[in-house]
Amino acid sequence: MQAFIYDLLFIVASILILFKAIGYGIYEIKEMKNKSGGISIISLSILITIFFNFVIFIK
């Protein structure tokens, strides 16, 4: 039960960090006019979050 709670807290924290990274990517695209930078930040943060959470689940 304790491991499940830690996994759940980790997933929630990683999703919150993902939303912050997506917000920064949107800021890069809209305000700084850096479309390639914003898209790369968003795509890399999504991939890292998915794969990292997958590793946590299969451990």
PDB file of N, CA and C in Angstrom:
ATOM      1  N   MET A   1       0.820  -1.192   0.000  1.00  0.00           N
ATOM      2  CA  MET A   1       0.000   0.000   0.000  1.00  0.00           C
ATOM      3  C   MET A   1       0.865   1.259   0.000  1.00  0.00           C
ATOM      4  N   GLN A   2       1.940   1.232   0.758  1.00  0.00           N
ATOM      5  CA  GLN A   2       2.801   2.405   0.837  1.00  0.00           C
ATOM      6  C   GLN A   2       3.472   2.680  -0.511  1.00  0.00           C
ATOM      7  N   ALA A   3       3.880   1.630  -1.218  1.00  0.00           N
ATOM      8  CA  ALA A   3       4.513   1.823  -2.522  1.00  0.00           C
ATOM      9  C   ALA A   3       3.519   2.413  -3.523  1.00  0.00           C
ATOM     10  N   PHE A   4       2.260   1.985  -3.434  1.00  0.00           N
ATOM     11  CA  PHE A   4       1.239   2.530  -4.331  1.00  0.00           C
ATOM     12  C   PHE A   4       1.034   4.022  -4.092  1.00  0.00           C
ATOM     13  N   ILE A   5       1.052   4.436  -2.846  1.00  0.00           N
ATOM     14  CA  ILE A   5       0.875   5.857  -2.528  1.00  0.00           C
ATOM     15  C   ILE A   5       2.051   6.676  -3.061  1.00  0.00           C
ATOM     16  N   TYR A   6       3.264   6.163  -2.901  1.00  0.00           N
ATOM     17  CA  TYR A   6       4.427   6.873  -3.424  1.00  0.00           C
ATOM     18  C   TYR A   6       4.390   6.954  -4.948  1.00  0.00           C
ATOM     19  N   ASP A   7       3.966   5.875  -5.596  1.00  0.00           N
ATOM     20  CA  ASP A   7       3.846   5.898  -7.053  1.00  0.00           C
ATOM     21  C   ASP A   7       2.805   6.909  -7.495  1.00  0.00           C
ATOM     22  N   LEU A   8       1.688   6.951  -6.800  1.00  0.00           N
ATOM     23  CA  LEU A   8       0.633   7.899  -7.138  1.00  0.00           C
ATOM     24  C   LEU A   8       1.091   9.341  -6.943  1.00  0.00           C
ATOM     25  N   LEU A   9       1.779   9.612  -5.846  1.00  0.00           N
ATOM     26  CA  LEU A   9       2.314  10.963  -5.617  1.00  0.00           C
ATOM     27  C   LEU A   9       3.338  11.342  -6.672  1.00  0.00           C
ATOM     28  N   PHE A  10       4.161  10.387  -7.074  1.00  0.00           N
ATOM     29  CA  PHE A  10       5.161  10.644  -8.100  1.00  0.00           C
ATOM     30  C   PHE A  10       4.506  10.970  -9.440  1.00  0.00           C
ATOM     31  N   ILE A  11       3.458  10.233  -9.780  1.00  0.00           N
ATOM     32  CA  ILE A  11       2.757  10.487 -11.044  1.00  0.00           C
ATOM     33  C   ILE A  11       2.099  11.857 -11.028  1.00  0.00           C
ATOM     34  N   VAL A  12       1.480  12.219  -9.933  1.00  0.00           N
ATOM     35  CA  VAL A  12       0.831  13.529  -9.828  1.00  0.00           C
ATOM     36  C   VAL A  12       1.877  14.641  -9.940  1.00  0.00           C
ATOM     37  N   ALA A  13       3.003  14.471  -9.269  1.00  0.00           N
ATOM     38  CA  ALA A  13       4.060  15.486  -9.337  1.00  0.00           C
ATOM     39  C   ALA A  13       4.629  15.592 -10.748  1.00  0.00           C
ATOM     40  N   SER A  14       4.816  14.474 -11.417  1.00  0.00           N
ATOM     41  CA  SER A  14       5.366  14.526 -12.772  1.00  0.00           C
ATOM     42  C   SER A  14       4.380  15.151 -13.746  1.00  0.00           C
ATOM     43  N   ILE A  15       3.095  14.938 -13.543  1.00  0.00           N
ATOM     44  CA  ILE A  15       2.099  15.570 -14.416  1.00  0.00           C
ATOM     45  C   ILE A  15       2.055  17.081 -14.182  1.00  0.00           C
ATOM     46  N   LEU A  16       2.175  17.510 -12.929  1.00  0.00           N
ATOM     47  CA  LEU A  16       2.220  18.953 -12.651  1.00  0.00           C
ATOM     48  C   LEU A  16       3.445  19.602 -13.288  1.00  0.00           C
ATOM     49  N   ILE A  17       4.574  18.932 -13.218  1.00  0.00           N
ATOM     50  CA  ILE A  17       5.788  19.450 -13.855  1.00  0.00           C
ATOM     51  C   ILE A  17       5.631  19.465 -15.373  1.00  0.00           C
ATOM     52  N   LEU A  18       4.954  18.441 -15.908  1.00  0.00           N
ATOM     53  CA  LEU A  18       4.685  18.404 -17.349  1.00  0.00           C
ATOM     54  C   LEU A  18       3.851  19.605 -17.773  1.00  0.00           C
ATOM     55  N   PHE A  19       2.821  19.956 -16.989  1.00  0.00           N
ATOM     56  CA  PHE A  19       2.000  21.113 -17.330  1.00  0.00           C
ATOM     57  C   PHE A  19       2.808  22.406 -17.293  1.00  0.00           C
ATOM     58  N   LYS A  20       3.739  22.522 -16.361  1.00  0.00           N
ATOM     59  CA  LYS A  20       4.592  23.713 -16.312  1.00  0.00           C
ATOM     60  C   LYS A  20       5.495  23.782 -17.544  1.00  0.00           C
ATOM     61  N   ALA A  21       6.028  22.635 -17.957  1.00  0.00           N
ATOM     62  CA  ALA A  21       6.890  22.599 -19.143  1.00  0.00           C
ATOM     63  C   ALA A  21       6.093  22.926 -20.406  1.00  0.00           C
ATOM     64  N   ILE A  22       4.871  22.435 -20.493  1.00  0.00           N
ATOM     65  CA  ILE A  22       4.027  22.753 -21.650  1.00  0.00           C
ATOM     66  C   ILE A  22       3.698  24.246 -21.664  1.00  0.00           C
ATOM     67  N   GLY A  23       3.441  24.810 -20.501  1.00  0.00           N
ATOM     68  CA  GLY A  23       3.195  26.250 -20.415  1.00  0.00           C
ATOM     69  C   GLY A  23       4.392  27.060 -20.867  1.00  0.00           C
ATOM     70  N   TYR A  24       5.592  26.607 -20.496  1.00  0.00           N
ATOM     71  CA  TYR A  24       6.790  27.315 -20.946  1.00  0.00           C
ATOM     72  C   TYR A  24       6.981  27.164 -22.448  1.00  0.00           C
ATOM     73  N   GLY A  25       6.650  25.987 -22.978  1.00  0.00           N
ATOM     74  CA  GLY A  25       6.745  25.794 -24.428  1.00  0.00           C
ATOM     75  C   GLY A  25       5.794  26.704 -25.180  1.00  0.00           C
ATOM     76  N   ILE A  26       4.585  26.864 -24.654  1.00  0.00           N
ATOM     77  CA  ILE A  26       3.623  27.772 -25.282  1.00  0.00           C
ATOM     78  C   ILE A  26       4.107  29.211 -25.184  1.00  0.00           C
ATOM     79  N   TYR A  27       4.709  29.563 -24.060  1.00  0.00           N
ATOM     80  CA  TYR A  27       5.299  30.902 -23.909  1.00  0.00           C
ATOM     81  C   TYR A  27       6.390  31.138 -24.949  1.00  0.00           C
ATOM     82  N   GLU A  28       7.227  30.134 -25.163  1.00  0.00           N
ATOM     83  CA  GLU A  28       8.293  30.265 -26.170  1.00  0.00           C
ATOM     84  C   GLU A  28       7.702  30.489 -27.552  1.00  0.00           C
ATOM     85  N   ILE A  29       6.638  29.770 -27.858  1.00  0.00           N
ATOM     86  CA  ILE A  29       6.044  29.891 -29.188  1.00  0.00           C
ATOM     87  C   ILE A  29       5.372  31.248 -29.370  1.00  0.00           C
ATOM     88  N   LYS A  30       4.576  31.669 -28.399  1.00  0.00           N
ATOM     89  CA  LYS A  30       3.762  32.882 -28.569  1.00  0.00           C
ATOM     90  C   LYS A  30       4.546  34.173 -28.332  1.00  0.00           C
ATOM     91  N   GLU A  31       5.297  34.238 -27.234  1.00  0.00           N
ATOM     92  CA  GLU A  31       5.938  35.501 -26.856  1.00  0.00           C
ATOM     93  C   GLU A  31       7.313  35.688 -27.491  1.00  0.00           C
ATOM     94  N   MET A  32       8.103  34.633 -27.522  1.00  0.00           N
ATOM     95  CA  MET A  32       9.469  34.758 -28.024  1.00  0.00           C
ATOM     96  C   MET A  32       9.587  34.460 -29.520  1.00  0.00           C
ATOM     97  N   LYS A  33       8.482  34.022 -30.121  1.00  0.00           N
ATOM     98  CA  LYS A  33       8.446  33.678 -31.549  1.00  0.00           C
ATOM     99  C   LYS A  33       9.480  32.606 -31.899  1.00  0.00           C
ATOM    100  N   ASN A  34       9.677  31.677 -30.972  1.00  0.00           N
ATOM    101  CA  ASN A  34      10.630  30.589 -31.163  1.00  0.00           C
ATOM    102  C   ASN A  34       9.846  29.285 -31.281  1.00  0.00           C
ATOM    103  N   LYS A  35       9.341  29.041 -32.498  1.00  0.00           N
ATOM    104  CA  LYS A  35       8.455  27.902 -32.713  1.00  0.00           C
ATOM    105  C   LYS A  35       9.192  26.575 -32.553  1.00  0.00           C
ATOM    106  N   SER A  36      10.403  26.473 -33.066  1.00  0.00           N
ATOM    107  CA  SER A  36      11.135  25.203 -32.961  1.00  0.00           C
ATOM    108  C   SER A  36      11.517  24.909 -31.515  1.00  0.00           C
ATOM    109  N   GLY A  37      11.876  25.907 -30.761  1.00  0.00           N
ATOM    110  CA  GLY A  37      12.210  25.711 -29.357  1.00  0.00           C
ATOM    111  C   GLY A  37      11.012  25.296 -28.532  1.00  0.00           C
ATOM    112  N   GLY A  38       9.871  25.930 -28.769  1.00  0.00           N
ATOM    113  CA  GLY A  38       8.658  25.596 -28.034  1.00  0.00           C
ATOM    114  C   GLY A  38       8.166  24.193 -28.336  1.00  0.00           C
ATOM    115  N   ILE A  39       8.203  23.819 -29.612  1.00  0.00           N
ATOM    116  CA  ILE A  39       7.759  22.480 -29.994  1.00  0.00           C
ATOM    117  C   ILE A  39       8.694  21.425 -29.431  1.00  0.00           C
ATOM    118  N   SER A  40       9.984  21.686 -29.445  1.00  0.00           N
ATOM    119  CA  SER A  40      10.925  20.693 -28.905  1.00  0.00           C
ATOM    120  C   SER A  40      10.785  20.552 -27.390  1.00  0.00           C
ATOM    121  N   ILE A  41      10.546  21.648 -26.684  1.00  0.00           N
ATOM    122  CA  ILE A  41      10.335  21.579 -25.236  1.00  0.00           C
ATOM    123  C   ILE A  41       9.083  20.771 -24.918  1.00  0.00           C
ATOM    124  N   ILE A  42       8.006  21.033 -25.635  1.00  0.00           N
ATOM    125  CA  ILE A  42       6.757  20.318 -25.383  1.00  0.00           C
ATOM    126  C   ILE A  42       6.896  18.835 -25.702  1.00  0.00           C
ATOM    127  N   SER A  43       7.460  18.512 -26.847  1.00  0.00           N
ATOM    128  CA  SER A  43       7.557  17.099 -27.239  1.00  0.00           C
ATOM    129  C   SER A  43       8.510  16.326 -26.338  1.00  0.00           C
ATOM    130  N   LEU A  44       9.645  16.904 -25.987  1.00  0.00           N
ATOM    131  CA  LEU A  44      10.585  16.206 -25.112  1.00  0.00           C
ATOM    132  C   LEU A  44      10.014  16.019 -23.709  1.00  0.00           C
ATOM    133  N   SER A  45       9.320  17.012 -23.196  1.00  0.00           N
ATOM    134  CA  SER A  45       8.758  16.869 -21.855  1.00  0.00           C
ATOM    135  C   SER A  45       7.659  15.813 -21.820  1.00  0.00           C
ATOM    136  N   ILE A  46       6.865  15.718 -22.879  1.00  0.00           N
ATOM    137  CA  ILE A  46       5.828  14.681 -22.935  1.00  0.00           C
ATOM    138  C   ILE A  46       6.463  13.300 -23.015  1.00  0.00           C
ATOM    139  N   LEU A  47       7.460  13.140 -23.873  1.00  0.00           N
ATOM    140  CA  LEU A  47       8.128  11.843 -23.999  1.00  0.00           C
ATOM    141  C   LEU A  47       8.814  11.423 -22.707  1.00  0.00           C
ATOM    142  N   ILE A  48       9.502  12.336 -22.073  1.00  0.00           N
ATOM    143  CA  ILE A  48      10.194  12.009 -20.827  1.00  0.00           C
ATOM    144  C   ILE A  48       9.196  11.615 -19.749  1.00  0.00           C
ATOM    145  N   THR A  49       8.093  12.338 -19.645  1.00  0.00           N
ATOM    146  CA  THR A  49       7.096  12.018 -18.628  1.00  0.00           C
ATOM    147  C   THR A  49       6.464  10.653 -18.877  1.00  0.00           C
ATOM    148  N   ILE A  50       6.123  10.361 -20.121  1.00  0.00           N
ATOM    149  CA  ILE A  50       5.521   9.062 -20.433  1.00  0.00           C
ATOM    150  C   ILE A  50       6.473   7.921 -20.127  1.00  0.00           C
ATOM    151  N   PHE A  51       7.714   8.006 -20.599  1.00  0.00           N
ATOM    152  CA  PHE A  51       8.651   6.917 -20.397  1.00  0.00           C
ATOM    153  C   PHE A  51       9.067   6.767 -18.939  1.00  0.00           C
ATOM    154  N   PHE A  52       9.209   7.872 -18.239  1.00  0.00           N
ATOM    155  CA  PHE A  52       9.614   7.803 -16.838  1.00  0.00           C
ATOM    156  C   PHE A  52       8.508   7.194 -15.977  1.00  0.00           C
ATOM    157  N   ASN A  53       7.255   7.565 -16.248  1.00  0.00           N
ATOM    158  CA  ASN A  53       6.139   6.963 -15.514  1.00  0.00           C
ATOM    159  C   ASN A  53       5.984   5.491 -15.867  1.00  0.00           C
ATOM    160  N   PHE A  54       6.261   5.119 -17.100  1.00  0.00           N
ATOM    161  CA  PHE A  54       6.213   3.725 -17.495  1.00  0.00           C
ATOM    162  C   PHE A  54       7.246   2.901 -16.746  1.00  0.00           C
ATOM    163  N   VAL A  55       8.427   3.437 -16.582  1.00  0.00           N
ATOM    164  CA  VAL A  55       9.480   2.744 -15.822  1.00  0.00           C
ATOM    165  C   VAL A  55       9.073   2.595 -14.353  1.00  0.00           C
ATOM    166  N   ILE A  56       8.453   3.589 -13.786  1.00  0.00           N
ATOM    167  CA  ILE A  56       7.991   3.508 -12.404  1.00  0.00           C
ATOM    168  C   ILE A  56       6.939   2.414 -12.248  1.00  0.00           C
ATOM    169  N   PHE A  57       6.045   2.287 -13.232  1.00  0.00           N
ATOM    170  CA  PHE A  57       5.008   1.259 -13.141  1.00  0.00           C
ATOM    171  C   PHE A  57       5.550  -0.150 -13.299  1.00  0.00           C
ATOM    172  N   ILE A  58       6.573  -0.356 -14.114  1.00  0.00           N
ATOM    173  CA  ILE A  58       7.057  -1.720 -14.332  1.00  0.00           C
ATOM    174  C   ILE A  58       8.114  -2.156 -13.336  1.00  0.00           C
ATOM    175  N   LYS A  59       8.550  -1.271 -12.475  1.00  0.00           N
ATOM    176  CA  LYS A  59       9.581  -1.663 -11.493  1.00  0.00           C
ATOM    177  C   LYS A  59       9.092  -2.650 -10.472  1.00  0.00           C
TER     178      LYS A  59
END
